[in-house]
């Protein structure tokens, strides 16, 4: 396992791309808990996602960010309105990646937060 990296939104995307992966979608982070057990990051800490809005219909939760913001989510398995939050894209947050090595299985998260 790798150490818990932190970066701004663009930096996080670049780290994931360097591993052949991408930032996780909010759905992967929340519903699939894609990175819950595959990183050194605390599952209650926010990590960048690839989107600025998300509606989790089955849990009646919805988030929408403003200009220059992106959604960051936790991967803790306990649906709540605090599972995602909007952050300025320059903020340093945890880096979690999905879909590494071209694997499109959401559960095949990179061994990186």
C-alpha atoms as a PDB file:
ATOM      1  CA  UNK A   1       0.000   0.000   0.000  1.00  0.00           C
ATOM      2  CA  UNK A   2       1.109   3.514  -0.700  1.00  0.00           C
ATOM      3  CA  UNK A   3       1.153   6.481   1.591  1.00  0.00           C
ATOM      4  CA  UNK A   4      -1.780   8.849   1.706  1.00  0.00           C
ATOM      5  CA  UNK A   5      -1.097  11.533  -0.876  1.00  0.00           C
ATOM      6  CA  UNK A   6      -2.707  14.939  -0.920  1.00  0.00           C
ATOM      7  CA  UNK A   7      -3.041  17.256  -3.905  1.00  0.00           C
ATOM      8  CA  UNK A   8      -5.288  19.855  -5.471  1.00  0.00           C
ATOM      9  CA  UNK A   9      -7.952  18.679  -7.917  1.00  0.00           C
ATOM     10  CA  UNK A  10      -5.770  18.823 -11.039  1.00  0.00           C
ATOM     11  CA  UNK A  11      -2.816  17.289  -9.216  1.00  0.00           C
ATOM     12  CA  UNK A  12      -4.984  14.436  -7.976  1.00  0.00           C
ATOM     13  CA  UNK A  13      -6.210  13.722 -11.496  1.00  0.00           C
ATOM     14  CA  UNK A  14      -2.613  13.692 -12.735  1.00  0.00           C
ATOM     15  CA  UNK A  15      -1.525  11.241 -10.036  1.00  0.00           C
ATOM     16  CA  UNK A  16      -4.337   8.862 -10.968  1.00  0.00           C
ATOM     17  CA  UNK A  17      -3.591   9.204 -14.686  1.00  0.00           C
ATOM     18  CA  UNK A  18       0.052   8.366 -14.030  1.00  0.00           C
ATOM     19  CA  UNK A  19      -1.109   5.009 -12.668  1.00  0.00           C
ATOM     20  CA  UNK A  20      -3.332   4.308 -15.656  1.00  0.00           C
ATOM     21  CA  UNK A  21      -6.424   5.182 -13.665  1.00  0.00           C
ATOM     22  CA  UNK A  22      -8.665   8.156 -13.033  1.00  0.00           C
ATOM     23  CA  UNK A  23     -10.331   9.998 -10.206  1.00  0.00           C
ATOM     24  CA  UNK A  24     -13.268   8.024  -8.834  1.00  0.00           C
ATOM     25  CA  UNK A  25     -16.793   9.146  -9.572  1.00  0.00           C
ATOM     26  CA  UNK A  26     -18.926  10.112  -6.573  1.00  0.00           C
ATOM     27  CA  UNK A  27     -20.959   6.939  -7.195  1.00  0.00           C
ATOM     28  CA  UNK A  28     -17.846   4.773  -7.049  1.00  0.00           C
ATOM     29  CA  UNK A  29     -16.733   6.440  -3.838  1.00  0.00           C
ATOM     30  CA  UNK A  30     -20.112   6.241  -2.113  1.00  0.00           C
ATOM     31  CA  UNK A  31     -22.191   3.366  -3.440  1.00  0.00           C
ATOM     32  CA  UNK A  32     -19.355   1.053  -4.436  1.00  0.00           C
ATOM     33  CA  UNK A  33     -16.988   2.116  -1.645  1.00  0.00           C
ATOM     34  CA  UNK A  34     -14.394   1.549  -4.342  1.00  0.00           C
ATOM     35  CA  UNK A  35     -11.402   2.729  -2.354  1.00  0.00           C
ATOM     36  CA  UNK A  36     -12.492   1.994   1.175  1.00  0.00           C
ATOM     37  CA  UNK A  37      -9.928  -0.705   1.968  1.00  0.00           C
ATOM     38  CA  UNK A  38      -7.288  -0.018  -0.666  1.00  0.00           C
ATOM     39  CA  UNK A  39      -5.502   3.011   0.667  1.00  0.00           C
ATOM     40  CA  UNK A  40      -3.632   4.467   3.582  1.00  0.00           C
ATOM     41  CA  UNK A  41      -6.071   7.386   3.709  1.00  0.00           C
ATOM     42  CA  UNK A  42      -8.634   7.622   6.452  1.00  0.00           C
ATOM     43  CA  UNK A  43     -12.014   6.566   5.065  1.00  0.00           C
ATOM     44  CA  UNK A  44     -13.636   9.537   6.821  1.00  0.00           C
ATOM     45  CA  UNK A  45     -11.413  12.090   5.057  1.00  0.00           C
ATOM     46  CA  UNK A  46     -12.605  13.769   1.868  1.00  0.00           C
ATOM     47  CA  UNK A  47     -10.968  12.806  -1.426  1.00  0.00           C
ATOM     48  CA  UNK A  48     -11.414  14.368  -4.847  1.00  0.00           C
ATOM     49  CA  UNK A  49     -13.944  12.947  -7.296  1.00  0.00           C
ATOM     50  CA  UNK A  50     -14.257  13.522 -11.041  1.00  0.00           C
ATOM     51  CA  UNK A  51     -17.454  15.592 -10.866  1.00  0.00           C
ATOM     52  CA  UNK A  52     -18.954  18.800  -9.490  1.00  0.00           C
ATOM     53  CA  UNK A  53     -22.426  17.431  -8.798  1.00  0.00           C
ATOM     54  CA  UNK A  54     -24.043  14.140  -7.894  1.00  0.00           C
ATOM     55  CA  UNK A  55     -27.516  12.851  -7.096  1.00  0.00           C
ATOM     56  CA  UNK A  56     -27.654   9.599  -5.127  1.00  0.00           C
ATOM     57  CA  UNK A  57     -31.288   8.766  -5.800  1.00  0.00           C
ATOM     58  CA  UNK A  58     -31.534   5.617  -3.684  1.00  0.00           C
ATOM     59  CA  UNK A  59     -30.403   7.582  -0.614  1.00  0.00           C
ATOM     60  CA  UNK A  60     -32.252  10.822  -1.498  1.00  0.00           C
ATOM     61  CA  UNK A  61     -28.998  12.782  -1.353  1.00  0.00           C
ATOM     62  CA  UNK A  62     -27.786  15.425  -3.770  1.00  0.00           C
ATOM     63  CA  UNK A  63     -24.823  17.784  -4.072  1.00  0.00           C
ATOM     64  CA  UNK A  64     -24.025  20.570  -6.519  1.00  0.00           C
ATOM     65  CA  UNK A  65     -20.921  22.768  -6.534  1.00  0.00           C
ATOM     66  CA  UNK A  66     -20.281  26.249  -7.814  1.00  0.00           C
ATOM     67  CA  UNK A  67     -17.735  27.560 -10.303  1.00  0.00           C
ATOM     68  CA  UNK A  68     -14.165  26.582  -9.487  1.00  0.00           C
ATOM     69  CA  UNK A  69     -15.316  23.912  -7.066  1.00  0.00           C
ATOM     70  CA  UNK A  70     -15.341  20.150  -7.258  1.00  0.00           C
ATOM     71  CA  UNK A  71     -17.037  17.463  -5.220  1.00  0.00           C
ATOM     72  CA  UNK A  72     -14.966  15.564  -2.700  1.00  0.00           C
ATOM     73  CA  UNK A  73     -16.387  12.517  -0.923  1.00  0.00           C
ATOM     74  CA  UNK A  74     -15.627  10.034   1.824  1.00  0.00           C
ATOM     75  CA  UNK A  75     -15.856   6.267   1.452  1.00  0.00           C
ATOM     76  CA  UNK A  76     -17.234   5.172   4.797  1.00  0.00           C
ATOM     77  CA  UNK A  77     -20.312   3.140   3.932  1.00  0.00           C
ATOM     78  CA  UNK A  78     -22.701   5.195   6.058  1.00  0.00           C
ATOM     79  CA  UNK A  79     -24.908   7.294   3.732  1.00  0.00           C
ATOM     80  CA  UNK A  80     -25.282  10.842   5.031  1.00  0.00           C
ATOM     81  CA  UNK A  81     -25.528  14.381   3.706  1.00  0.00           C
ATOM     82  CA  UNK A  82     -21.950  14.948   4.895  1.00  0.00           C
ATOM     83  CA  UNK A  83     -20.541  12.183   2.661  1.00  0.00           C
ATOM     84  CA  UNK A  84     -19.643  14.747   0.003  1.00  0.00           C
ATOM     85  CA  UNK A  85     -18.758  18.418   0.108  1.00  0.00           C
ATOM     86  CA  UNK A  86     -17.735  21.096  -2.373  1.00  0.00           C
ATOM     87  CA  UNK A  87     -14.169  22.360  -2.209  1.00  0.00           C
ATOM     88  CA  UNK A  88     -12.256  24.950  -4.186  1.00  0.00           C
ATOM     89  CA  UNK A  89     -10.178  23.032  -6.743  1.00  0.00           C
ATOM     90  CA  UNK A  90      -6.969  24.515  -5.281  1.00  0.00           C
ATOM     91  CA  UNK A  91      -7.581  22.837  -1.897  1.00  0.00           C
ATOM     92  CA  UNK A  92      -5.211  20.055  -0.859  1.00  0.00           C
ATOM     93  CA  UNK A  93      -7.265  16.903  -0.273  1.00  0.00           C
ATOM     94  CA  UNK A  94      -6.688  13.152  -0.290  1.00  0.00           C
ATOM     95  CA  UNK A  95      -6.053  11.398  -3.588  1.00  0.00           C
ATOM     96  CA  UNK A  96      -7.967   8.212  -4.353  1.00  0.00           C
ATOM     97  CA  UNK A  97      -7.991   6.578  -7.785  1.00  0.00           C
ATOM     98  CA  UNK A  98     -10.240   4.125  -9.614  1.00  0.00           C
ATOM     99  CA  UNK A  99     -10.136   2.071 -12.793  1.00  0.00           C
ATOM    100  CA  UNK A 100      -6.411   1.440 -12.763  1.00  0.00           C
ATOM    101  CA  UNK A 101      -4.618  -0.298 -15.594  1.00  0.00           C
ATOM    102  CA  UNK A 102      -7.634   0.083 -17.850  1.00  0.00           C
ATOM    103  CA  UNK A 103      -9.850  -2.028 -15.601  1.00  0.00           C
ATOM    104  CA  UNK A 104     -13.329  -0.506 -15.729  1.00  0.00           C
ATOM    105  CA  UNK A 105     -14.570  -2.484 -12.719  1.00  0.00           C
ATOM    106  CA  UNK A 106     -15.340   0.202 -10.147  1.00  0.00           C
ATOM    107  CA  UNK A 107     -14.231  -2.086  -7.337  1.00  0.00           C
ATOM    108  CA  UNK A 108     -10.778  -2.479  -8.903  1.00  0.00           C
ATOM    109  CA  UNK A 109      -9.420   0.614  -7.238  1.00  0.00           C
ATOM    110  CA  UNK A 110      -5.773   1.512  -7.411  1.00  0.00           C
ATOM    111  CA  UNK A 111      -3.763   0.812  -4.326  1.00  0.00           C
ATOM    112  CA  UNK A 112      -3.608   4.513  -3.680  1.00  0.00           C
ATOM    113  CA  UNK A 113      -5.785   6.899  -1.856  1.00  0.00           C
END
